[in-house]
PDB file of N, CA and C in Angstrom:
ATOM      1  N   MET A   1       2.465   9.827  -4.319  1.00  0.00           N
ATOM      2  CA  MET A   1       1.446   8.802  -4.512  1.00  0.00           C
ATOM      3  C   MET A   1       0.232   9.423  -5.180  1.00  0.00           C
ATOM      4  N   LYS A   2      -0.292   8.738  -6.150  1.00  0.00           N
ATOM      5  CA  LYS A   2      -1.473   9.234  -6.848  1.00  0.00           C
ATOM      6  C   LYS A   2      -2.748   8.915  -6.077  1.00  0.00           C
ATOM      7  N   ILE A   3      -2.720   7.853  -5.261  1.00  0.00           N
ATOM      8  CA  ILE A   3      -3.869   7.490  -4.433  1.00  0.00           C
ATOM      9  C   ILE A   3      -3.424   7.527  -2.977  1.00  0.00           C
ATOM     10  N   LYS A   4      -4.227   8.186  -2.148  1.00  0.00           N
ATOM     11  CA  LYS A   4      -3.893   8.334  -0.729  1.00  0.00           C
ATOM     12  C   LYS A   4      -4.996   7.756   0.144  1.00  0.00           C
ATOM     13  N   THR A   5      -4.716   7.590   1.428  1.00  0.00           N
ATOM     14  CA  THR A   5      -5.691   7.095   2.389  1.00  0.00           C
ATOM     15  C   THR A   5      -6.875   8.051   2.461  1.00  0.00           C
ATOM     16  N   GLY A   6      -8.073   7.505   2.422  1.00  0.00           N
ATOM     17  CA  GLY A   6      -9.286   8.313   2.491  1.00  0.00           C
ATOM     18  C   GLY A   6      -9.881   8.663   1.142  1.00  0.00           C
ATOM     19  N   ASP A   7      -9.172   8.395   0.055  1.00  0.00           N
ATOM     20  CA  ASP A   7      -9.685   8.678  -1.292  1.00  0.00           C
ATOM     21  C   ASP A   7     -10.780   7.687  -1.665  1.00  0.00           C
ATOM     22  N   LYS A   8     -11.698   8.123  -2.515  1.00  0.00           N
ATOM     23  CA  LYS A   8     -12.722   7.231  -3.056  1.00  0.00           C
ATOM     24  C   LYS A   8     -12.211   6.744  -4.407  1.00  0.00           C
ATOM     25  N   ILE A   9     -12.237   5.429  -4.613  1.00  0.00           N
ATOM     26  CA  ILE A   9     -11.684   4.856  -5.840  1.00  0.00           C
ATOM     27  C   ILE A   9     -12.678   3.898  -6.490  1.00  0.00           C
ATOM     28  N   LYS A  10     -12.402   3.565  -7.756  1.00  0.00           N
ATOM     29  CA  LYS A  10     -13.179   2.580  -8.493  1.00  0.00           C
ATOM     30  C   LYS A  10     -12.232   1.493  -8.959  1.00  0.00           C
ATOM     31  N   ILE A  11     -12.633   0.231  -8.809  1.00  0.00           N
ATOM     32  CA  ILE A  11     -11.816  -0.900  -9.233  1.00  0.00           C
ATOM     33  C   ILE A  11     -12.039  -1.113 -10.731  1.00  0.00           C
ATOM     34  N   ILE A  12     -10.945  -1.197 -11.496  1.00  0.00           N
ATOM     35  CA  ILE A  12     -11.059  -1.342 -12.954  1.00  0.00           C
ATOM     36  C   ILE A  12     -10.642  -2.721 -13.450  1.00  0.00           C
ATOM     37  N   ALA A  13     -10.131  -3.578 -12.558  1.00  0.00           N
ATOM     38  CA  ALA A  13      -9.738  -4.934 -12.949  1.00  0.00           C
ATOM     39  C   ALA A  13      -9.817  -5.853 -11.748  1.00  0.00           C
ATOM     40  N   GLY A  14     -10.071  -7.134 -11.998  1.00  0.00           N
ATOM     41  CA  GLY A  14     -10.095  -8.120 -10.923  1.00  0.00           C
ATOM     42  C   GLY A  14     -11.505  -8.578 -10.597  1.00  0.00           C
ATOM     43  N   LYS A  15     -11.640  -9.318  -9.503  1.00  0.00           N
ATOM     44  CA  LYS A  15     -12.928  -9.914  -9.156  1.00  0.00           C
ATOM     45  C   LYS A  15     -13.965  -8.881  -8.707  1.00  0.00           C
ATOM     46  N   ASP A  16     -13.530  -7.706  -8.264  1.00  0.00           N
ATOM     47  CA  ASP A  16     -14.444  -6.656  -7.817  1.00  0.00           C
ATOM     48  C   ASP A  16     -14.567  -5.527  -8.840  1.00  0.00           C
ATOM     49  N   LYS A  17     -14.338  -5.820 -10.091  1.00  0.00           N
ATOM     50  CA  LYS A  17     -14.351  -4.808 -11.151  1.00  0.00           C
ATOM     51  C   LYS A  17     -15.667  -4.028 -11.169  1.00  0.00           C
ATOM     52  N   GLY A  18     -15.582  -2.696 -11.242  1.00  0.00           N
ATOM     53  CA  GLY A  18     -16.753  -1.829 -11.297  1.00  0.00           C
ATOM     54  C   GLY A  18     -17.229  -1.326  -9.942  1.00  0.00           C
ATOM     55  N   LYS A  19     -16.744  -1.889  -8.850  1.00  0.00           N
ATOM     56  CA  LYS A  19     -17.174  -1.480  -7.511  1.00  0.00           C
ATOM     57  C   LYS A  19     -16.353  -0.280  -7.034  1.00  0.00           C
ATOM     58  N   THR A  20     -16.942   0.485  -6.121  1.00  0.00           N
ATOM     59  CA  THR A  20     -16.242   1.641  -5.557  1.00  0.00           C
ATOM     60  C   THR A  20     -16.087   1.469  -4.055  1.00  0.00           C
ATOM     61  N   GLY A  21     -15.110   2.152  -3.495  1.00  0.00           N
ATOM     62  CA  GLY A  21     -14.874   2.084  -2.063  1.00  0.00           C
ATOM     63  C   GLY A  21     -13.883   3.126  -1.613  1.00  0.00           C
ATOM     64  N   LYS A  22     -13.670   3.165  -0.304  1.00  0.00           N
ATOM     65  CA  LYS A  22     -12.774   4.134   0.318  1.00  0.00           C
ATOM     66  C   LYS A  22     -11.465   3.445   0.691  1.00  0.00           C
ATOM     67  N   VAL A  23     -10.341   4.095   0.425  1.00  0.00           N
ATOM     68  CA  VAL A  23      -9.022   3.521   0.706  1.00  0.00           C
ATOM     69  C   VAL A  23      -8.763   3.567   2.205  1.00  0.00           C
ATOM     70  N   LEU A  24      -8.453   2.402   2.783  1.00  0.00           N
ATOM     71  CA  LEU A  24      -8.168   2.313   4.208  1.00  0.00           C
ATOM     72  C   LEU A  24      -6.679   2.480   4.508  1.00  0.00           C
ATOM     73  N   GLN A  25      -5.851   1.862   3.677  1.00  0.00           N
ATOM     74  CA  GLN A  25      -4.409   1.819   3.926  1.00  0.00           C
ATOM     75  C   GLN A  25      -3.683   1.780   2.599  1.00  0.00           C
ATOM     76  N   VAL A  26      -2.529   2.451   2.525  1.00  0.00           N
ATOM     77  CA  VAL A  26      -1.706   2.440   1.316  1.00  0.00           C
ATOM     78  C   VAL A  26      -0.315   1.957   1.687  1.00  0.00           C
ATOM     79  N   PHE A  27       0.240   1.071   0.854  1.00  0.00           N
ATOM     80  CA  PHE A  27       1.593   0.557   1.042  1.00  0.00           C
ATOM     81  C   PHE A  27       2.437   0.995  -0.154  1.00  0.00           C
ATOM     82  N   PRO A  28       3.045   2.206  -0.108  1.00  0.00           N
ATOM     83  CA  PRO A  28       3.743   2.745  -1.277  1.00  0.00           C
ATOM     84  C   PRO A  28       4.968   1.941  -1.697  1.00  0.00           C
ATOM     85  N   ASP A  29       5.641   1.299  -0.759  1.00  0.00           N
ATOM     86  CA  ASP A  29       6.835   0.520  -1.096  1.00  0.00           C
ATOM     87  C   ASP A  29       6.492  -0.719  -1.936  1.00  0.00           C
ATOM     88  N   ARG A  30       5.275  -1.278  -1.744  1.00  0.00           N
ATOM     89  CA  ARG A  30       4.851  -2.459  -2.502  1.00  0.00           C
ATOM     90  C   ARG A  30       3.817  -2.130  -3.566  1.00  0.00           C
ATOM     91  N   ASN A  31       3.429  -0.832  -3.681  1.00  0.00           N
ATOM     92  CA  ASN A  31       2.467  -0.375  -4.683  1.00  0.00           C
ATOM     93  C   ASN A  31       1.093  -1.033  -4.492  1.00  0.00           C
ATOM     94  N   LEU A  32       0.652  -1.137  -3.231  1.00  0.00           N
ATOM     95  CA  LEU A  32      -0.612  -1.778  -2.881  1.00  0.00           C
ATOM     96  C   LEU A  32      -1.477  -0.848  -2.044  1.00  0.00           C
ATOM     97  N   ALA A  33      -2.779  -1.119  -2.034  1.00  0.00           N
ATOM     98  CA  ALA A  33      -3.711  -0.400  -1.166  1.00  0.00           C
ATOM     99  C   ALA A  33      -4.852  -1.336  -0.801  1.00  0.00           C
ATOM    100  N   SER A  34      -5.384  -1.186   0.421  1.00  0.00           N
ATOM    101  CA  SER A  34      -6.553  -1.967   0.816  1.00  0.00           C
ATOM    102  C   SER A  34      -7.763  -1.042   0.825  1.00  0.00           C
ATOM    103  N   VAL A  35      -8.882  -1.567   0.311  1.00  0.00           N
ATOM    104  CA  VAL A  35     -10.094  -0.769   0.133  1.00  0.00           C
ATOM    105  C   VAL A  35     -11.209  -1.360   0.984  1.00  0.00           C
ATOM    106  N   GLU A  36     -11.967  -0.483   1.633  1.00  0.00           N
ATOM    107  CA  GLU A  36     -13.043  -0.878   2.530  1.00  0.00           C
ATOM    108  C   GLU A  36     -14.121  -1.671   1.793  1.00  0.00           C
ATOM    109  N   GLY A  37     -14.351  -2.914   2.226  1.00  0.00           N
ATOM    110  CA  GLY A  37     -15.413  -3.742   1.671  1.00  0.00           C
ATOM    111  C   GLY A  37     -15.102  -4.442   0.358  1.00  0.00           C
ATOM    112  N   LEU A  38     -13.894  -4.297  -0.173  1.00  0.00           N
ATOM    113  CA  LEU A  38     -13.538  -4.920  -1.446  1.00  0.00           C
ATOM    114  C   LEU A  38     -12.340  -5.851  -1.275  1.00  0.00           C
ATOM    115  N   ASN A  39     -12.252  -6.848  -2.153  1.00  0.00           N
ATOM    116  CA  ASN A  39     -11.193  -7.861  -2.114  1.00  0.00           C
ATOM    117  C   ASN A  39     -11.150  -8.552  -0.743  1.00  0.00           C
ATOM    118  N   ILE A  40     -12.317  -8.976  -0.274  1.00  0.00           N
ATOM    119  CA  ILE A  40     -12.449  -9.594   1.051  1.00  0.00           C
ATOM    120  C   ILE A  40     -11.895 -11.016   1.021  1.00  0.00           C
ATOM    121  N   LEU A  41     -11.004 -11.309   1.954  1.00  0.00           N
ATOM    122  CA  LEU A  41     -10.474 -12.653   2.130  1.00  0.00           C
ATOM    123  C   LEU A  41     -10.910 -13.180   3.481  1.00  0.00           C
ATOM    124  N   ILE A  42     -11.009 -14.501   3.591  1.00  0.00           N
ATOM    125  CA  ILE A  42     -11.408 -15.138   4.841  1.00  0.00           C
ATOM    126  C   ILE A  42     -10.230 -15.921   5.382  1.00  0.00           C
ATOM    127  N   LYS A  43      -9.878 -15.645   6.627  1.00  0.00           N
ATOM    128  CA  LYS A  43      -8.788 -16.349   7.280  1.00  0.00           C
ATOM    129  C   LYS A  43      -9.384 -17.196   8.397  1.00  0.00           C
ATOM    130  N   HIS A  44      -9.072 -18.480   8.410  1.00  0.00           N
ATOM    131  CA  HIS A  44      -9.578 -19.385   9.436  1.00  0.00           C
ATOM    132  C   HIS A  44      -8.574 -19.437  10.586  1.00  0.00           C
ATOM    133  N   MET A  45      -9.047 -19.082  11.778  1.00  0.00           N
ATOM    134  CA  MET A  45      -8.180 -19.075  12.964  1.00  0.00           C
ATOM    135  C   MET A  45      -8.465 -20.304  13.812  1.00  0.00           C
ATOM    136  N   ARG A  46      -7.416 -20.963  14.223  1.00  0.00           N
ATOM    137  CA  ARG A  46      -7.509 -22.152  15.053  1.00  0.00           C
ATOM    138  C   ARG A  46      -7.751 -21.734  16.506  1.00  0.00           C
ATOM    139  N   PRO A  47      -8.456 -22.562  17.287  1.00  0.00           N
ATOM    140  CA  PRO A  47      -8.611 -22.229  18.709  1.00  0.00           C
ATOM    141  C   PRO A  47      -7.261 -22.292  19.418  1.00  0.00           C
ATOM    142  N   ARG A  48      -6.993 -21.333  20.270  1.00  0.00           N
ATOM    143  CA  ARG A  48      -5.691 -21.262  20.950  1.00  0.00           C
ATOM    144  C   ARG A  48      -5.668 -22.056  22.265  1.00  0.00           C
ATOM    145  N   ARG A  49      -6.830 -22.132  22.948  1.00  0.00           N
ATOM    146  CA  ARG A  49      -6.893 -22.860  24.221  1.00  0.00           C
ATOM    147  C   ARG A  49      -7.942 -23.963  24.151  1.00  0.00           C
ATOM    148  N   GLN A  50      -7.874 -24.854  25.114  1.00  0.00           N
ATOM    149  CA  GLN A  50      -8.858 -25.936  25.219  1.00  0.00           C
ATOM    150  C   GLN A  50     -10.237 -25.343  25.484  1.00  0.00           C
ATOM    151  N   GLY A  51     -11.243 -25.785  24.745  1.00  0.00           N
ATOM    152  CA  GLY A  51     -12.612 -25.319  24.956  1.00  0.00           C
ATOM    153  C   GLY A  51     -12.966 -24.081  24.137  1.00  0.00           C
ATOM    154  N   GLU A  52     -11.985 -23.401  23.614  1.00  0.00           N
ATOM    155  CA  GLU A  52     -12.241 -22.206  22.794  1.00  0.00           C
ATOM    156  C   GLU A  52     -12.603 -22.636  21.375  1.00  0.00           C
ATOM    157  N   GLN A  53     -13.421 -21.835  20.707  1.00  0.00           N
ATOM    158  CA  GLN A  53     -13.828 -22.171  19.351  1.00  0.00           C
ATOM    159  C   GLN A  53     -12.950 -21.458  18.330  1.00  0.00           C
ATOM    160  N   GLY A  54     -12.802 -22.099  17.181  1.00  0.00           N
ATOM    161  CA  GLY A  54     -12.111 -21.459  16.072  1.00  0.00           C
ATOM    162  C   GLY A  54     -13.026 -20.413  15.450  1.00  0.00           C
ATOM    163  N   GLN A  55     -12.468 -19.579  14.608  1.00  0.00           N
ATOM    164  CA  GLN A  55     -13.285 -18.534  13.994  1.00  0.00           C
ATOM    165  C   GLN A  55     -12.814 -18.198  12.589  1.00  0.00           C
ATOM    166  N   ARG A  56     -13.690 -17.537  11.849  1.00  0.00           N
ATOM    167  CA  ARG A  56     -13.367 -17.060  10.501  1.00  0.00           C
ATOM    168  C   ARG A  56     -13.276 -15.544  10.561  1.00  0.00           C
ATOM    169  N   ILE A  57     -12.168 -15.004  10.118  1.00  0.00           N
ATOM    170  CA  ILE A  57     -11.977 -13.559  10.104  1.00  0.00           C
ATOM    171  C   ILE A  57     -11.990 -13.086   8.662  1.00  0.00           C
ATOM    172  N   GLU A  58     -12.866 -12.132   8.365  1.00  0.00           N
ATOM    173  CA  GLU A  58     -12.920 -11.536   7.032  1.00  0.00           C
ATOM    174  C   GLU A  58     -12.188 -10.200   7.075  1.00  0.00           C
ATOM    175  N   PHE A  59     -11.326  -9.966   6.092  1.00  0.00           N
ATOM    176  CA  PHE A  59     -10.587  -8.706   6.058  1.00  0.00           C
ATOM    177  C   PHE A  59     -10.322  -8.286   4.613  1.00  0.00           C
ATOM    178  N   PRO A  60     -10.232  -6.970   4.358  1.00  0.00           N
ATOM    179  CA  PRO A  60      -9.918  -6.501   3.002  1.00  0.00           C
ATOM    180  C   PRO A  60      -8.427  -6.653   2.727  1.00  0.00           C
ATOM    181  N   ALA A  61      -8.084  -7.486   1.766  1.00  0.00           N
ATOM    182  CA  ALA A  61      -6.680  -7.708   1.415  1.00  0.00           C
ATOM    183  C   ALA A  61      -6.200  -6.579   0.505  1.00  0.00           C
ATOM    184  N   PRO A  62      -4.921  -6.222   0.590  1.00  0.00           N
ATOM    185  CA  PRO A  62      -4.398  -5.180  -0.298  1.00  0.00           C
ATOM    186  C   PRO A  62      -4.398  -5.638  -1.752  1.00  0.00           C
ATOM    187  N   MET A  63      -4.621  -4.697  -2.653  1.00  0.00           N
ATOM    188  CA  MET A  63      -4.571  -4.985  -4.082  1.00  0.00           C
ATOM    189  C   MET A  63      -3.738  -3.917  -4.776  1.00  0.00           C
ATOM    190  N   ASP A  64      -3.300  -4.227  -5.993  1.00  0.00           N
ATOM    191  CA  ASP A  64      -2.381  -3.351  -6.713  1.00  0.00           C
ATOM    192  C   ASP A  64      -3.047  -2.029  -7.106  1.00  0.00           C
ATOM    193  N   LEU A  65      -2.269  -0.949  -7.037  1.00  0.00           N
ATOM    194  CA  LEU A  65      -2.781   0.376  -7.368  1.00  0.00           C
ATOM    195  C   LEU A  65      -3.127   0.516  -8.850  1.00  0.00           C
ATOM    196  N   SER A  66      -2.531  -0.323  -9.697  1.00  0.00           N
ATOM    197  CA  SER A  66      -2.825  -0.241 -11.126  1.00  0.00           C
ATOM    198  C   SER A  66      -4.232  -0.736 -11.444  1.00  0.00           C
ATOM    199  N   ASN A  67      -4.880  -1.410 -10.500  1.00  0.00           N
ATOM    200  CA  ASN A  67      -6.232  -1.922 -10.700  1.00  0.00           C
ATOM    201  C   ASN A  67      -7.302  -0.960 -10.200  1.00  0.00           C
ATOM    202  N   MET A  68      -6.923   0.254  -9.811  1.00  0.00           N
ATOM    203  CA  MET A  68      -7.882   1.217  -9.299  1.00  0.00           C
ATOM    204  C   MET A  68      -7.701   2.586  -9.933  1.00  0.00           C
ATOM    205  N   MET A  69      -8.803   3.331  -9.997  1.00  0.00           N
ATOM    206  CA  MET A  69      -8.787   4.707 -10.487  1.00  0.00           C
ATOM    207  C   MET A  69      -9.427   5.598  -9.435  1.00  0.00           C
ATOM    208  N   LEU A  70      -8.858   6.765  -9.262  1.00  0.00           N
ATOM    209  CA  LEU A  70      -9.385   7.734  -8.317  1.00  0.00           C
ATOM    210  C   LEU A  70     -10.675   8.342  -8.856  1.00  0.00           C
ATOM    211  N   ILE A  71     -11.681   8.494  -7.979  1.00  0.00           N
ATOM    212  CA  ILE A  71     -12.905   9.187  -8.361  1.00  0.00           C
ATOM    213  C   ILE A  71     -12.759  10.629  -7.904  1.00  0.00           C
ATOM    214  N   CYS A  72     -12.841  11.544  -8.858  1.00  0.00           N
ATOM    215  CA  CYS A  72     -12.663  12.972  -8.579  1.00  0.00           C
ATOM    216  C   CYS A  72     -13.796  13.464  -7.672  1.00  0.00           C
ATOM    217  N   PRO A  73     -13.473  14.130  -6.551  1.00  0.00           N
ATOM    218  CA  PRO A  73     -14.536  14.631  -5.678  1.00  0.00           C
ATOM    219  C   PRO A  73     -15.345  15.776  -6.300  1.00  0.00           C
ATOM    220  N   LYS A  74     -14.783  16.464  -7.289  1.00  0.00           N
ATOM    221  CA  LYS A  74     -15.469  17.599  -7.919  1.00  0.00           C
ATOM    222  C   LYS A  74     -16.441  17.140  -9.015  1.00  0.00           C
ATOM    223  N   CYS A  75     -15.942  16.334  -9.985  1.00  0.00           N
ATOM    224  CA  CYS A  75     -16.799  15.931 -11.113  1.00  0.00           C
ATOM    225  C   CYS A  75     -17.430  14.559 -10.914  1.00  0.00           C
ATOM    226  N   GLY A  76     -16.929  13.752  -9.965  1.00  0.00           N
ATOM    227  CA  GLY A  76     -17.529  12.455  -9.657  1.00  0.00           C
ATOM    228  C   GLY A  76     -17.241  11.358 -10.657  1.00  0.00           C
ATOM    229  N   LYS A  77     -16.250  11.566 -11.537  1.00  0.00           N
ATOM    230  CA  LYS A  77     -15.908  10.563 -12.546  1.00  0.00           C
ATOM    231  C   LYS A  77     -14.571   9.922 -12.212  1.00  0.00           C
ATOM    232  N   PRO A  78     -14.386   8.627 -12.587  1.00  0.00           N
ATOM    233  CA  PRO A  78     -13.071   8.013 -12.418  1.00  0.00           C
ATOM    234  C   PRO A  78     -12.089   8.703 -13.354  1.00  0.00           C
ATOM    235  N   THR A  79     -10.922   9.039 -12.834  1.00  0.00           N
ATOM    236  CA  THR A  79      -9.968   9.816 -13.612  1.00  0.00           C
ATOM    237  C   THR A  79      -8.539   9.422 -13.300  1.00  0.00           C
ATOM    238  N   THR A  80      -7.651   9.743 -14.236  1.00  0.00           N
ATOM    239  CA  THR A  80      -6.228   9.613 -13.957  1.00  0.00           C
ATOM    240  C   THR A  80      -5.793  10.867 -13.215  1.00  0.00           C
ATOM    241  N   VAL A  81      -4.700  10.766 -12.507  1.00  0.00           N
ATOM    242  CA  VAL A  81      -4.244  11.859 -11.663  1.00  0.00           C
ATOM    243  C   VAL A  81      -2.999  12.488 -12.272  1.00  0.00           C
ATOM    244  N   GLY A  82      -2.990  13.814 -12.302  1.00  0.00           N
ATOM    245  CA  GLY A  82      -1.813  14.548 -12.740  1.00  0.00           C
ATOM    246  C   GLY A  82      -1.309  15.390 -11.585  1.00  0.00           C
ATOM    247  N   TYR A  83      -0.196  16.084 -11.809  1.00  0.00           N
ATOM    248  CA  TYR A  83       0.370  16.928 -10.768  1.00  0.00           C
ATOM    249  C   TYR A  83       0.538  18.341 -11.269  1.00  0.00           C
ATOM    250  N   LYS A  84       0.431  19.293 -10.349  1.00  0.00           N
ATOM    251  CA  LYS A  84       0.604  20.706 -10.646  1.00  0.00           C
ATOM    252  C   LYS A  84       1.458  21.290  -9.524  1.00  0.00           C
ATOM    253  N   TYR A  85       2.356  22.168  -9.866  1.00  0.00           N
ATOM    254  CA  TYR A  85       3.227  22.791  -8.879  1.00  0.00           C
ATOM    255  C   TYR A  85       2.868  24.267  -8.758  1.00  0.00           C
ATOM    256  N   SER A  86       2.905  24.787  -7.551  1.00  0.00           N
ATOM    257  CA  SER A  86       2.709  26.220  -7.352  1.00  0.00           C
ATOM    258  C   SER A  86       3.824  26.726  -6.454  1.00  0.00           C
ATOM    259  N   GLU A  87       4.287  27.927  -6.744  1.00  0.00           N
ATOM    260  CA  GLU A  87       5.369  28.525  -5.963  1.00  0.00           C
ATOM    261  C   GLU A  87       4.796  29.587  -5.051  1.00  0.00           C
ATOM    262  N   SER A  88       5.331  29.652  -3.843  1.00  0.00           N
ATOM    263  CA  SER A  88       4.937  30.691  -2.895  1.00  0.00           C
ATOM    264  C   SER A  88       6.183  31.216  -2.209  1.00  0.00           C
ATOM    265  N   GLY A  89       6.100  32.419  -1.723  1.00  0.00           N
ATOM    266  CA  GLY A  89       7.249  33.034  -1.062  1.00  0.00           C
ATOM    267  C   GLY A  89       7.920  34.063  -1.948  1.00  0.00           C
ATOM    268  N   GLU A  90       8.982  34.678  -1.416  1.00  0.00           N
ATOM    269  CA  GLU A  90       9.682  35.737  -2.141  1.00  0.00           C
ATOM    270  C   GLU A  90      11.175  35.455  -2.214  1.00  0.00           C
ATOM    271  N   GLY A  91      11.814  35.902  -3.279  1.00  0.00           N
ATOM    272  CA  GLY A  91      13.269  35.845  -3.405  1.00  0.00           C
ATOM    273  C   GLY A  91      13.839  34.454  -3.313  1.00  0.00           C
ATOM    274  N   ASP A  92      14.787  34.288  -2.371  1.00  0.00           N
ATOM    275  CA  ASP A  92      15.480  33.008  -2.207  1.00  0.00           C
ATOM    276  C   ASP A  92      14.635  31.966  -1.471  1.00  0.00           C
ATOM    277  N   LYS A  93      13.590  32.416  -0.788  1.00  0.00           N
ATOM    278  CA  LYS A  93      12.796  31.494   0.039  1.00  0.00           C
ATOM    279  C   LYS A  93      11.536  31.006  -0.673  1.00  0.00           C
ATOM    280  N   LYS A  94      11.633  30.763  -1.966  1.00  0.00           N
ATOM    281  CA  LYS A  94      10.484  30.245  -2.712  1.00  0.00           C
ATOM    282  C   LYS A  94      10.285  28.774  -2.381  1.00  0.00           C
ATOM    283  N   LYS A  95       9.025  28.416  -2.156  1.00  0.00           N
ATOM    284  CA  LYS A  95       8.687  27.022  -1.863  1.00  0.00           C
ATOM    285  C   LYS A  95       7.757  26.506  -2.949  1.00  0.00           C
ATOM    286  N   LYS A  96       8.066  25.323  -3.454  1.00  0.00           N
ATOM    287  CA  LYS A  96       7.197  24.677  -4.435  1.00  0.00           C
ATOM    288  C   LYS A  96       6.274  23.721  -3.700  1.00  0.00           C
ATOM    289  N   LYS A  97       5.006  23.791  -4.020  1.00  0.00           N
ATOM    290  CA  LYS A  97       4.040  22.873  -3.438  1.00  0.00           C
ATOM    291  C   LYS A  97       3.426  22.057  -4.568  1.00  0.00           C
ATOM    292  N   LYS A  98       3.253  20.772  -4.311  1.00  0.00           N
ATOM    293  CA  LYS A  98       2.771  19.836  -5.323  1.00  0.00           C
ATOM    294  C   LYS A  98       1.305  19.500  -5.033  1.00  0.00           C
ATOM    295  N   PHE A  99       0.445  19.641  -6.042  1.00  0.00           N
ATOM    296  CA  PHE A  99      -0.972  19.330  -5.920  1.00  0.00           C
ATOM    297  C   PHE A  99      -1.354  18.226  -6.887  1.00  0.00           C
ATOM    298  N   ARG A 100      -2.314  17.393  -6.480  1.00  0.00           N
ATOM    299  CA  ARG A 100      -2.888  16.420  -7.409  1.00  0.00           C
ATOM    300  C   ARG A 100      -4.019  17.111  -8.158  1.00  0.00           C
ATOM    301  N   ILE A 101      -4.131  16.846  -9.465  1.00  0.00           N
ATOM    302  CA  ILE A 101      -5.221  17.415 -10.241  1.00  0.00           C
ATOM    303  C   ILE A 101      -5.939  16.318 -11.016  1.00  0.00           C
ATOM    304  N   CYS A 102      -7.222  16.549 -11.256  1.00  0.00           N
ATOM    305  CA  CYS A 102      -8.053  15.653 -12.069  1.00  0.00           C
ATOM    306  C   CYS A 102      -7.752  15.954 -13.529  1.00  0.00           C
ATOM    307  N   LYS A 103      -7.469  14.925 -14.322  1.00  0.00           N
ATOM    308  CA  LYS A 103      -7.155  15.118 -15.733  1.00  0.00           C
ATOM    309  C   LYS A 103      -8.399  15.441 -16.559  1.00  0.00           C
ATOM    310  N   LYS A 104      -9.596  15.169 -16.026  1.00  0.00           N
ATOM    311  CA  LYS A 104     -10.827  15.434 -16.772  1.00  0.00           C
ATOM    312  C   LYS A 104     -11.339  16.859 -16.570  1.00  0.00           C
ATOM    313  N   CYS A 105     -11.438  17.303 -15.295  1.00  0.00           N
ATOM    314  CA  CYS A 105     -12.006  18.629 -15.030  1.00  0.00           C
ATOM    315  C   CYS A 105     -10.939  19.666 -14.642  1.00  0.00           C
ATOM    316  N   LYS A 106      -9.680  19.243 -14.530  1.00  0.00           N
ATOM    317  CA  LYS A 106      -8.549  20.124 -14.237  1.00  0.00           C
ATOM    318  C   LYS A 106      -8.630  20.826 -12.875  1.00  0.00           C
ATOM    319  N   GLN A 107      -9.416  20.287 -11.950  1.00  0.00           N
ATOM    320  CA  GLN A 107      -9.521  20.844 -10.605  1.00  0.00           C
ATOM    321  C   GLN A 107      -8.541  20.156  -9.661  1.00  0.00           C
ATOM    322  N   THR A 108      -8.087  20.872  -8.630  1.00  0.00           N
ATOM    323  CA  THR A 108      -7.180  20.270  -7.656  1.00  0.00           C
ATOM    324  C   THR A 108      -7.972  19.315  -6.767  1.00  0.00           C
ATOM    325  N   ILE A 109      -7.342  18.233  -6.359  1.00  0.00           N
ATOM    326  CA  ILE A 109      -8.005  17.211  -5.555  1.00  0.00           C
ATOM    327  C   ILE A 109      -7.759  17.426  -4.074  1.00  0.00           C
ATOM    328  N   ASP A 110      -6.567  17.845  -3.699  1.00  0.00           N
ATOM    329  CA  ASP A 110      -6.261  18.028  -2.273  1.00  0.00           C
ATOM    330  C   ASP A 110      -6.871  19.280  -1.702  1.00  0.00           C
TER     331      ASP A 110
END
């Protein structure tokens, strides 16, 4: 995944275009993520018992990952994400580790 939970992102399309926020939840199977304070929807809840009042619940709805760009923690600019592999270990027990990198400043993100 190019965007993970806890990342700071910028919205590049939709009703919240230009706003930034923190990723709360990622749904990789559906290619969606919900962002704190953005894409707010209101759900009206009916009263369940006699005498109880109905209520309006506001919640951040998930939006497509193609509508967001990661903000690099090092350079502070919205950027596309690339990957870099590094090998560690000796002989037959070499392990490849995958890192996310900023395409603008070439620094690792994780």
